[in-house]
C-alpha atoms as a PDB file:
ATOM      1  CA  MET A   1      -3.421  62.620 124.655  1.00  0.00           C
ATOM      2  CA  ILE A   2      -4.133  65.796 123.592  1.00  0.00           C
ATOM      3  CA  ASN A   3      -6.622  66.550 120.493  1.00  0.00           C
ATOM      4  CA  GLN A   4      -7.641  70.627 120.665  1.00  0.00           C
ATOM      5  CA  VAL A   5      -7.794  72.806 118.451  1.00  0.00           C
ATOM      6  CA  THR A   6      -8.441  76.735 118.039  1.00  0.00           C
ATOM      7  CA  LEU A   7      -9.731  78.274 115.392  1.00  0.00           C
ATOM      8  CA  VAL A   8     -10.656  82.061 114.613  1.00  0.00           C
ATOM      9  CA  GLY A   9     -12.140  82.420 110.766  1.00  0.00           C
ATOM     10  CA  ARG A  10     -14.728  83.619 108.612  1.00  0.00           C
ATOM     11  CA  LEU A  11     -17.709  81.403 107.227  1.00  0.00           C
ATOM     12  CA  THR A  12     -17.545  80.725 103.529  1.00  0.00           C
ATOM     13  CA  ARG A  13     -20.896  80.357 102.974  1.00  0.00           C
ATOM     14  CA  ASP A  14     -24.119  80.308 105.054  1.00  0.00           C
ATOM     15  CA  PRO A  15     -24.452  77.500 107.457  1.00  0.00           C
ATOM     16  CA  GLU A  16     -27.680  75.133 106.664  1.00  0.00           C
ATOM     17  CA  LEU A  17     -29.158  72.851 109.735  1.00  0.00           C
ATOM     18  CA  LYS A  18     -29.653  69.357 108.828  1.00  0.00           C
ATOM     19  CA  LEU A  19     -31.363  66.607 111.038  1.00  0.00           C
ATOM     20  CA  THR A  20     -29.665  62.921 111.798  1.00  0.00           C
ATOM     21  CA  GLN A  21     -32.086  60.348 111.443  1.00  0.00           C
ATOM     22  CA  GLU A  22     -32.623  60.809 115.594  1.00  0.00           C
ATOM     23  CA  GLY A  23     -33.274  64.565 114.930  1.00  0.00           C
ATOM     24  CA  VAL A  24     -30.183  65.830 116.626  1.00  0.00           C
ATOM     25  CA  ALA A  25     -28.878  68.978 114.779  1.00  0.00           C
ATOM     26  CA  LEU A  26     -25.689  69.682 112.924  1.00  0.00           C
ATOM     27  CA  THR A  27     -24.272  71.545 110.210  1.00  0.00           C
ATOM     28  CA  SER A  28     -21.035  71.037 108.437  1.00  0.00           C
ATOM     29  CA  ILE A  29     -19.370  74.357 107.994  1.00  0.00           C
ATOM     30  CA  THR A  30     -16.131  75.602 106.308  1.00  0.00           C
ATOM     31  CA  LEU A  31     -14.038  78.345 108.211  1.00  0.00           C
ATOM     32  CA  ALA A  32     -11.477  80.721 106.238  1.00  0.00           C
ATOM     33  CA  VAL A  33      -8.830  81.183 108.242  1.00  0.00           C
ATOM     34  CA  ASN A  34      -5.615  83.277 107.467  1.00  0.00           C
ATOM     35  CA  ARG A  35      -2.189  81.770 108.217  1.00  0.00           C
ATOM     36  CA  ASN A  36       0.295  83.526 110.577  1.00  0.00           C
ATOM     37  CA  TYR A  37       2.471  84.709 108.165  1.00  0.00           C
ATOM     38  CA  ARG A  38       3.565  85.715 104.179  1.00  0.00           C
ATOM     39  CA  SER A  39       4.518  83.620 101.368  1.00  0.00           C
ATOM     40  CA  THR A  40       7.643  84.533  99.318  1.00  0.00           C
ATOM     41  CA  SER A  41       5.470  86.561  97.062  1.00  0.00           C
ATOM     42  CA  GLY A  42       4.174  88.684 100.037  1.00  0.00           C
ATOM     43  CA  SER A  43       0.315  87.694 100.208  1.00  0.00           C
ATOM     44  CA  ILE A  44      -1.334  86.021 103.063  1.00  0.00           C
ATOM     45  CA  GLU A  45      -2.388  82.631 102.330  1.00  0.00           C
ATOM     46  CA  THR A  46      -5.505  81.129 103.890  1.00  0.00           C
ATOM     47  CA  ASP A  47      -6.775  77.243 104.706  1.00  0.00           C
ATOM     48  CA  PHE A  48     -10.468  76.367 104.464  1.00  0.00           C
ATOM     49  CA  VAL A  49     -11.215  74.499 107.524  1.00  0.00           C
ATOM     50  CA  GLN A  50     -13.930  71.867 107.126  1.00  0.00           C
ATOM     51  CA  CYS A  51     -15.806  71.633 110.857  1.00  0.00           C
ATOM     52  CA  THR A  52     -18.766  69.943 112.257  1.00  0.00           C
ATOM     53  CA  LEU A  53     -21.186  71.465 114.830  1.00  0.00           C
ATOM     54  CA  TRP A  54     -23.859  69.532 116.415  1.00  0.00           C
ATOM     55  CA  ARG A  55     -27.082  70.160 118.485  1.00  0.00           C
ATOM     56  CA  ARG A  56     -27.466  74.053 120.169  1.00  0.00           C
ATOM     57  CA  ALA A  57     -24.073  74.840 118.894  1.00  0.00           C
ATOM     58  CA  ALA A  58     -25.643  74.205 115.325  1.00  0.00           C
ATOM     59  CA  GLU A  59     -28.786  75.818 115.962  1.00  0.00           C
ATOM     60  CA  ASN A  60     -27.270  78.765 116.781  1.00  0.00           C
ATOM     61  CA  THR A  61     -24.503  79.178 114.246  1.00  0.00           C
ATOM     62  CA  VAL A  62     -27.360  78.692 111.278  1.00  0.00           C
ATOM     63  CA  GLN A  63     -29.751  81.316 113.114  1.00  0.00           C
ATOM     64  CA  TYR A  64     -27.255  84.153 114.347  1.00  0.00           C
ATOM     65  CA  CYS A  65     -24.467  83.663 111.303  1.00  0.00           C
ATOM     66  CA  GLN A  66     -23.816  83.709 107.705  1.00  0.00           C
ATOM     67  CA  LYS A  67     -21.476  83.732 104.999  1.00  0.00           C
ATOM     68  CA  GLY A  68     -18.475  86.317 106.070  1.00  0.00           C
ATOM     69  CA  SER A  69     -19.531  85.931 110.031  1.00  0.00           C
ATOM     70  CA  ILE A  70     -16.424  85.740 112.124  1.00  0.00           C
ATOM     71  CA  ILE A  71     -16.720  83.043 114.775  1.00  0.00           C
ATOM     72  CA  GLY A  72     -14.261  81.371 116.801  1.00  0.00           C
ATOM     73  CA  ILE A  73     -14.672  77.069 117.406  1.00  0.00           C
ATOM     74  CA  ILE A  74     -12.344  74.924 120.079  1.00  0.00           C
ATOM     75  CA  GLY A  75     -12.780  71.127 119.101  1.00  0.00           C
ATOM     76  CA  ARG A  76     -11.091  68.362 118.234  1.00  0.00           C
ATOM     77  CA  ILE A  77      -9.636  66.985 115.282  1.00  0.00           C
ATOM     78  CA  GLN A  78     -11.757  63.828 113.815  1.00  0.00           C
ATOM     79  CA  THR A  79     -10.748  61.276 110.948  1.00  0.00           C
ATOM     80  CA  ARG A  80     -13.581  59.554 109.056  1.00  0.00           C
ATOM     81  CA  ASN A  81     -13.827  57.910 106.124  1.00  0.00           C
ATOM     82  CA  TYR A  82     -16.822  56.400 103.794  1.00  0.00           C
ATOM     83  CA  GLU A  83     -17.374  54.300 100.225  1.00  0.00           C
ATOM     84  CA  ASN A  84     -18.869  56.629  98.074  1.00  0.00           C
ATOM     85  CA  SER A  85     -21.190  56.350  95.347  1.00  0.00           C
ATOM     86  CA  GLU A  86     -18.453  55.009  92.710  1.00  0.00           C
ATOM     87  CA  GLY A  87     -17.254  52.460  95.127  1.00  0.00           C
ATOM     88  CA  LYS A  88     -13.964  54.626  96.589  1.00  0.00           C
ATOM     89  CA  ARG A  89     -13.254  54.839 100.292  1.00  0.00           C
ATOM     90  CA  VAL A  90     -13.138  58.598 100.880  1.00  0.00           C
ATOM     91  CA  TYR A  91     -11.110  59.814 104.156  1.00  0.00           C
ATOM     92  CA  VAL A  92     -12.023  62.975 105.543  1.00  0.00           C
ATOM     93  CA  THR A  93     -10.614  65.433 108.469  1.00  0.00           C
ATOM     94  CA  GLU A  94     -12.644  67.593 110.234  1.00  0.00           C
ATOM     95  CA  VAL A  95     -12.468  69.813 113.447  1.00  0.00           C
ATOM     96  CA  VAL A  96     -15.907  68.745 115.409  1.00  0.00           C
ATOM     97  CA  ALA A  97     -16.643  71.987 117.609  1.00  0.00           C
ATOM     98  CA  ASP A  98     -17.094  71.681 121.052  1.00  0.00           C
ATOM     99  CA  SER A  99     -17.429  75.077 121.560  1.00  0.00           C
ATOM    100  CA  VAL A 100     -18.339  78.006 118.945  1.00  0.00           C
ATOM    101  CA  ARG A 101     -18.185  82.312 119.575  1.00  0.00           C
ATOM    102  CA  PHE A 102     -19.834  84.514 117.639  1.00  0.00           C
ATOM    103  CA  LEU A 103     -16.929  87.048 117.353  1.00  0.00           C
ATOM    104  CA  GLY A 104     -18.271  89.794 114.937  1.00  0.00           C
ATOM    105  CA  GLY A 105     -22.059  90.551 113.943  1.00  0.00           C
ATOM    106  CA  ARG A 106     -23.531  89.110 110.679  1.00  0.00           C
ATOM    107  CA  PRO A 107     -21.631  91.509 107.896  1.00  0.00           C
ATOM    108  CA  ALA A 108     -24.480  93.717 107.152  1.00  0.00           C
ATOM    109  CA  GLU A 109     -24.932  94.546 110.389  1.00  0.00           C
ATOM    110  CA  ASP A 110     -21.045  95.522 110.921  1.00  0.00           C
ATOM    111  CA  LYS A 111     -21.549  97.665 108.241  1.00  0.00           C
ATOM    112  CA  GLU A 112     -24.615  99.396 109.512  1.00  0.00           C
ATOM    113  CA  ILE A 113     -22.451  99.693 112.881  1.00  0.00           C
ATOM    114  CA  ALA A 114     -19.925 101.416 111.144  1.00  0.00           C
ATOM    115  CA  ALA A 115     -22.039 103.545 108.913  1.00  0.00           C
ATOM    116  CA  THR A 116     -23.943 105.077 112.707  1.00  0.00           C
ATOM    117  CA  ASN A 117     -20.192 105.741 114.055  1.00  0.00           C
ATOM    118  CA  ALA A 118     -18.803 107.519 111.285  1.00  0.00           C
END
């Protein structure tokens, strides 16, 4: 069976580093990914994909990326569930990253580079 996903998009918020009880680094991000086609109204729709990054990928993403940064992720789709505080079962589908690439600098750096090249 094959379970592989490749995404390129922008971070919707600054990533925050968390540690598991065992001390393993992780961060959960939302990646805004444009669809490859336009809707009937002519607009390009966007999907917001939940992604989980572990260990060094999580640490580097938190250190070098911020809201608006463009990143590429290769990973796998994973489904999990848990019981919330109200006793209801909650199902979560997310992409667990195997590889992360930083495709653009921080948004502020992009503007500075464009300004110096003008």
